[in-house]
N, C-alpha and C. Protein backbone atom coordinates (compact mmCIF):
# COMPACT_ATOMS: atom_id res chain seq x y z
N UNK A 1 98.63 20.36 159.39
CA UNK A 1 97.64 20.26 160.27
C UNK A 1 97.81 19.11 161.09
N UNK A 2 97.95 19.11 162.53
CA UNK A 2 98.21 17.95 163.41
C UNK A 2 96.77 17.72 163.86
N UNK A 3 96.59 16.65 164.66
CA UNK A 3 95.35 16.25 165.33
C UNK A 3 94.99 17.34 166.27
N UNK A 4 96.05 18.01 167.08
CA UNK A 4 95.55 19.04 168.05
C UNK A 4 94.87 20.36 167.34
N UNK A 5 95.34 20.55 166.10
CA UNK A 5 94.77 21.66 165.47
C UNK A 5 93.39 21.31 164.94
N UNK A 6 92.77 20.18 164.97
CA UNK A 6 91.53 19.96 164.52
C UNK A 6 90.35 20.36 165.62
N UNK A 7 89.56 21.13 165.07
CA UNK A 7 88.41 21.45 166.19
C UNK A 7 87.63 20.43 166.74
N UNK A 8 87.16 20.46 167.94
CA UNK A 8 86.54 19.48 168.87
C UNK A 8 85.60 18.80 168.06
N UNK A 9 84.75 19.61 167.45
CA UNK A 9 83.52 18.94 166.50
C UNK A 9 83.82 18.93 165.24
N UNK A 10 85.06 18.36 164.68
CA UNK A 10 85.14 18.30 163.25
C UNK A 10 84.44 17.38 162.58
N UNK A 11 84.14 17.53 161.16
CA UNK A 11 83.39 16.79 160.51
C UNK A 11 84.13 15.49 160.06
N UNK A 12 83.40 14.57 159.68
CA UNK A 12 84.01 13.35 159.26
C UNK A 12 84.99 13.50 158.00
N UNK A 13 84.54 14.48 157.13
CA UNK A 13 85.33 14.68 155.92
C UNK A 13 86.73 15.34 156.48
N UNK A 14 86.68 16.45 157.62
CA UNK A 14 87.71 17.04 157.81
C UNK A 14 88.89 16.07 158.71
N UNK A 15 88.17 15.00 159.46
CA UNK A 15 88.85 14.02 160.00
C UNK A 15 89.59 13.17 159.00
N UNK A 16 89.00 12.57 158.01
CA UNK A 16 89.67 11.87 156.99
C UNK A 16 90.59 12.69 156.17
N UNK A 17 90.34 13.95 156.00
CA UNK A 17 91.69 14.80 155.24
C UNK A 17 92.79 14.77 156.31
N UNK A 18 92.55 15.01 157.56
CA UNK A 18 93.65 15.19 158.53
C UNK A 18 94.34 13.77 158.45
N UNK A 19 93.67 12.52 158.54
CA UNK A 19 94.18 11.24 158.53
C UNK A 19 94.97 11.16 157.26
N UNK A 20 94.54 11.46 156.22
CA UNK A 20 95.27 11.33 154.96
C UNK A 20 96.62 12.24 155.06
N UNK A 21 96.52 13.37 155.37
CA UNK A 21 97.62 14.19 155.49
C UNK A 21 98.84 13.65 156.56
N UNK A 22 98.37 12.97 157.60
CA UNK A 22 99.09 12.33 158.55
C UNK A 22 99.90 11.25 157.87
N UNK A 23 98.97 10.37 157.07
CA UNK A 23 99.38 9.15 156.59
C UNK A 23 100.61 9.60 155.37
N UNK A 24 100.22 10.60 154.74
CA UNK A 24 101.29 11.04 153.71
C UNK A 24 102.35 11.74 154.45
N UNK A 25 102.49 12.05 155.43
CA UNK A 25 103.61 12.65 156.20
C UNK A 25 104.52 11.53 156.62
N UNK A 26 103.79 10.57 157.07
CA UNK A 26 104.45 9.40 157.54
C UNK A 26 105.17 8.63 156.49
N UNK A 27 104.50 8.53 155.43
CA UNK A 27 105.15 7.87 154.25
C UNK A 27 106.49 8.62 153.71
N UNK A 28 106.40 10.09 153.78
CA UNK A 28 107.49 10.86 153.30
C UNK A 28 108.57 10.61 154.31
N UNK A 29 108.33 10.58 155.64
CA UNK A 29 109.34 10.31 156.54
C UNK A 29 109.97 9.00 156.44
N UNK A 30 109.11 8.08 156.06
CA UNK A 30 109.73 6.71 155.83
C UNK A 30 110.52 6.48 154.54
N UNK A 31 110.20 7.29 153.44
CA UNK A 31 110.91 7.44 152.22
C UNK A 31 112.40 7.97 152.65
N UNK A 32 112.29 9.24 153.38
CA UNK A 32 113.49 9.83 153.75
C UNK A 32 114.51 8.78 154.70
N UNK A 33 113.84 8.08 155.54
CA UNK A 33 114.75 7.39 156.15
C UNK A 33 115.25 6.34 155.50
N UNK A 34 114.58 5.63 154.60
CA UNK A 34 115.07 4.62 153.66
C UNK A 34 116.29 5.17 152.61
N UNK A 35 116.00 6.33 152.36
CA UNK A 35 116.96 7.03 151.38
C UNK A 35 118.33 7.20 152.24
N UNK A 36 118.11 7.67 153.42
CA UNK A 36 119.33 7.83 154.23
C UNK A 36 120.08 6.47 154.53
N UNK A 37 119.31 5.46 154.72
CA UNK A 37 119.63 4.05 154.93
C UNK A 37 120.45 3.58 153.70
N UNK A 38 120.02 3.86 152.38
CA UNK A 38 120.58 3.35 151.26
C UNK A 38 121.68 4.16 150.92
N UNK A 39 121.55 5.48 151.17
CA UNK A 39 122.99 6.08 150.73
C UNK A 39 124.13 6.13 151.84
N UNK A 40 123.92 5.59 152.89
CA UNK A 40 125.09 5.52 153.88
C UNK A 40 126.21 4.86 153.30
N UNK A 41 126.34 3.67 152.68
CA UNK A 41 127.39 3.31 152.07
C UNK A 41 128.29 4.26 150.96
N UNK A 42 127.34 5.03 150.24
CA UNK A 42 127.86 6.12 149.36
C UNK A 42 128.50 7.05 150.42
N UNK A 43 127.99 7.59 151.44
CA UNK A 43 128.60 8.55 152.31
C UNK A 43 129.73 8.08 152.72
N UNK A 44 129.85 6.74 153.26
CA UNK A 44 131.27 6.32 153.84
C UNK A 44 132.12 6.24 152.81
N UNK A 45 131.98 5.71 151.45
CA UNK A 45 132.92 5.83 150.53
C UNK A 45 133.44 7.17 150.06
N UNK A 46 132.50 8.19 150.08
CA UNK A 46 132.97 9.51 149.92
C UNK A 46 133.85 9.98 151.19
N UNK A 47 133.47 9.71 152.37
CA UNK A 47 134.31 10.16 153.43
C UNK A 47 135.65 9.35 153.40
N UNK A 48 135.62 7.98 153.07
CA UNK A 48 137.03 7.29 153.02
C UNK A 48 137.77 8.02 151.91
N UNK A 49 137.22 8.43 150.72
CA UNK A 49 138.27 8.99 149.75
C UNK A 49 138.68 10.42 150.17
N UNK A 50 137.96 11.16 150.60
CA UNK A 50 138.44 12.44 151.14
C UNK A 50 139.48 12.29 152.16
N UNK A 51 139.12 11.39 153.10
CA UNK A 51 140.17 11.08 154.25
C UNK A 51 141.54 10.62 153.92
N UNK A 52 141.57 9.88 152.73
CA UNK A 52 142.78 9.23 152.30
C UNK A 52 143.47 10.20 151.28
N UNK A 53 142.70 10.94 150.57
CA UNK A 53 143.18 12.03 149.80
C UNK A 53 143.96 12.93 150.75
N UNK A 54 143.30 13.37 151.88
CA UNK A 54 144.16 14.14 152.79
C UNK A 54 145.35 13.65 153.21
N UNK A 55 145.19 12.24 153.71
CA UNK A 55 146.43 11.76 154.28
C UNK A 55 147.50 11.67 153.12
N UNK A 56 147.13 11.42 151.94
CA UNK A 56 148.32 11.16 150.84
C UNK A 56 148.68 12.74 150.54
N UNK A 57 148.00 13.70 150.75
CA UNK A 57 148.41 15.11 150.40
C UNK A 57 149.52 15.38 151.47
N UNK A 58 149.34 15.11 152.68
CA UNK A 58 150.29 15.60 153.82
C UNK A 58 151.43 14.57 153.93
N UNK A 59 151.63 13.70 152.98
CA UNK A 59 152.69 12.53 153.20
C UNK A 59 153.67 12.56 152.02
N UNK A 60 154.66 11.60 151.88
CA UNK A 60 155.40 11.33 150.85
C UNK A 60 155.10 10.41 150.00
N UNK A 61 153.76 10.10 149.98
CA UNK A 61 153.28 9.10 149.06
C UNK A 61 153.56 9.21 147.67
N UNK A 62 153.49 10.17 147.13
CA UNK A 62 154.06 10.47 145.53
C UNK A 62 155.36 10.16 145.39
N UNK A 63 156.20 10.37 146.26
CA UNK A 63 157.62 10.15 146.47
C UNK A 63 157.75 8.25 146.36
N UNK A 64 157.14 7.85 147.37
CA UNK A 64 157.05 6.25 147.31
C UNK A 64 156.56 5.56 146.00
N UNK A 65 155.51 6.21 145.42
CA UNK A 65 154.88 5.76 144.18
C UNK A 65 156.08 5.66 143.00
N UNK A 66 156.54 6.81 143.01
CA UNK A 66 157.74 6.90 141.84
C UNK A 66 158.79 6.10 142.07
N UNK A 67 159.21 6.05 143.47
CA UNK A 67 160.24 5.08 143.88
C UNK A 67 159.80 3.58 143.61
N UNK A 68 158.61 3.16 143.64
CA UNK A 68 158.20 1.77 143.30
C UNK A 68 158.08 1.61 141.80
N UNK A 69 157.78 2.60 141.14
CA UNK A 69 157.99 2.59 139.71
C UNK A 69 159.28 2.16 139.26
N UNK A 70 160.35 3.05 139.84
CA UNK A 70 161.59 2.80 139.41
C UNK A 70 162.13 1.32 139.88
N UNK A 71 161.80 0.98 141.07
CA UNK A 71 162.04 -0.50 141.45
C UNK A 71 161.51 -1.39 140.45
N UNK A 72 160.47 -1.31 139.91
CA UNK A 72 159.64 -2.20 138.97
C UNK A 72 160.47 -1.97 137.83
N UNK A 73 160.98 -0.93 137.43
CA UNK A 73 161.65 -0.71 136.09
C UNK A 73 163.02 -1.48 136.42
N UNK A 74 163.60 -1.37 137.50
CA UNK A 74 164.99 -1.94 137.51
C UNK A 74 164.79 -3.48 137.84
N UNK A 75 163.63 -3.99 138.21
CA UNK A 75 163.70 -5.69 138.52
C UNK A 75 162.98 -6.01 137.14
N UNK A 76 162.45 -5.45 136.34
CA UNK A 76 161.88 -6.09 135.10
C UNK A 76 162.67 -5.71 134.05
N UNK A 77 163.98 -5.94 134.09
CA UNK A 77 165.03 -5.42 132.86
C UNK A 77 165.05 -6.71 132.14
N UNK A 78 164.08 -7.14 131.61
CA UNK A 78 164.22 -8.16 130.55
C UNK A 78 163.38 -7.63 129.11
N UNK A 79 164.22 -8.07 128.08
CA UNK A 79 163.56 -7.64 126.71
C UNK A 79 163.43 -6.19 126.64
N UNK A 80 164.01 -5.51 127.21
CA UNK A 80 164.00 -3.92 126.69
C UNK A 80 162.78 -3.21 127.62
N UNK A 81 162.15 -3.91 128.39
CA UNK A 81 161.03 -3.30 129.12
C UNK A 81 161.42 -2.24 130.09
N UNK A 82 162.50 -2.26 130.57
CA UNK A 82 162.94 -1.52 131.70
C UNK A 82 163.08 0.05 131.09
N UNK A 83 163.19 0.38 129.99
CA UNK A 83 163.06 1.62 129.34
C UNK A 83 161.87 2.25 129.56
N UNK A 84 160.86 1.36 129.04
CA UNK A 84 159.32 1.94 129.19
C UNK A 84 159.09 2.04 130.61
N UNK A 85 159.30 1.30 131.61
CA UNK A 85 159.27 1.52 133.09
C UNK A 85 160.06 2.60 133.60
N UNK A 86 161.07 2.99 133.21
CA UNK A 86 161.90 4.12 133.39
C UNK A 86 161.42 5.14 133.06
N UNK A 87 160.76 5.16 131.93
CA UNK A 87 160.19 6.49 131.28
C UNK A 87 158.77 6.76 131.99
N UNK A 88 158.13 5.68 132.25
CA UNK A 88 156.80 5.77 133.19
C UNK A 88 157.12 6.62 134.39
N UNK A 89 158.30 6.05 134.93
CA UNK A 89 158.73 6.63 136.37
C UNK A 89 158.95 8.07 136.31
N UNK A 90 159.99 8.27 135.27
CA UNK A 90 160.52 9.66 135.25
C UNK A 90 159.32 10.66 134.67
N UNK A 91 158.28 10.35 134.06
CA UNK A 91 156.94 11.19 133.65
C UNK A 91 156.18 11.22 134.91
N UNK A 92 156.02 10.06 135.80
CA UNK A 92 155.22 9.99 136.89
C UNK A 92 155.69 10.88 137.95
N UNK A 93 156.91 10.76 138.03
CA UNK A 93 157.49 11.52 139.30
C UNK A 93 157.17 12.90 139.62
N UNK A 94 157.28 13.90 138.64
CA UNK A 94 156.89 15.18 138.72
C UNK A 94 155.35 15.54 138.71
N UNK A 95 154.56 14.47 138.24
CA UNK A 95 153.11 14.80 138.31
C UNK A 95 152.67 14.33 139.62
N UNK A 96 153.25 13.20 140.16
CA UNK A 96 152.96 13.06 141.51
C UNK A 96 153.43 13.84 142.83
N UNK A 97 154.47 14.43 142.41
CA UNK A 97 154.93 15.07 143.38
C UNK A 97 154.26 16.36 143.33
N UNK A 98 153.87 17.23 142.43
CA UNK A 98 153.13 18.40 142.23
C UNK A 98 151.96 18.26 143.19
N UNK A 99 151.89 18.99 144.29
CA UNK A 99 150.82 19.08 145.25
C UNK A 99 150.35 20.76 145.36
N UNK A 100 149.26 20.85 145.89
CA UNK A 100 148.80 22.15 146.03
C UNK A 100 149.49 22.81 147.13
N UNK A 101 149.61 24.08 147.40
CA UNK A 101 150.32 24.58 148.53
C UNK A 101 149.56 24.16 149.60
N UNK A 102 150.30 23.82 150.88
CA UNK A 102 149.80 23.52 151.98
C UNK A 102 149.26 24.63 152.78
N UNK A 103 147.93 24.47 153.32
CA UNK A 103 147.52 25.80 154.15
C UNK A 103 148.03 25.33 155.72
N UNK A 104 148.22 26.48 156.22
CA UNK A 104 148.58 26.37 157.48
C UNK A 104 147.49 25.95 158.64
N UNK A 105 147.87 25.11 159.39
CA UNK A 105 146.70 24.46 160.25
C UNK A 105 146.80 25.35 161.69
N UNK A 106 145.29 25.75 161.88
CA UNK A 106 145.13 26.59 162.81
C UNK A 106 144.72 25.75 164.14
N UNK A 107 145.21 26.14 165.32
CA UNK A 107 145.09 25.51 166.61
C UNK A 107 144.01 26.43 167.30
N UNK A 108 143.47 25.76 168.51
CA UNK A 108 142.49 26.42 169.18
C UNK A 108 143.06 27.88 169.80
N UNK A 109 144.45 27.85 170.06
CA UNK A 109 145.08 28.91 170.57
C UNK A 109 145.35 30.01 169.76
N UNK A 110 145.33 29.84 168.34
CA UNK A 110 145.55 30.54 167.30
C UNK A 110 146.01 30.10 166.21
N UNK A 111 146.57 30.89 165.02
CA UNK A 111 147.19 30.14 163.96
C UNK A 111 148.57 29.58 164.24
N UNK A 112 148.93 28.79 163.51
CA UNK A 112 150.42 27.86 163.82
C UNK A 112 151.27 28.72 163.41
């Protein structure tokens, strides 16, 4: 009920109830606004993660990661650690290279 819905000759108790309803609605809207403000960083982090996942999916990043692991394996060839790094690179390469099938991008003119 809004103030415009109140009859012209409303009783004091009806006016009090209307004020209470308006106050409760105002508090509800304040809480909603504060929740949106507090959750904004979470939304930004979620968007950031989705954006970078999409960017990495469409690039050669897994290949670069496996190459970096191989480079670390060749540079860290002391005390037999290079075998462990090489094994990590050889295991990581197929796992990182595996990607879901890419969906064709559609343009406003039609499918690509």
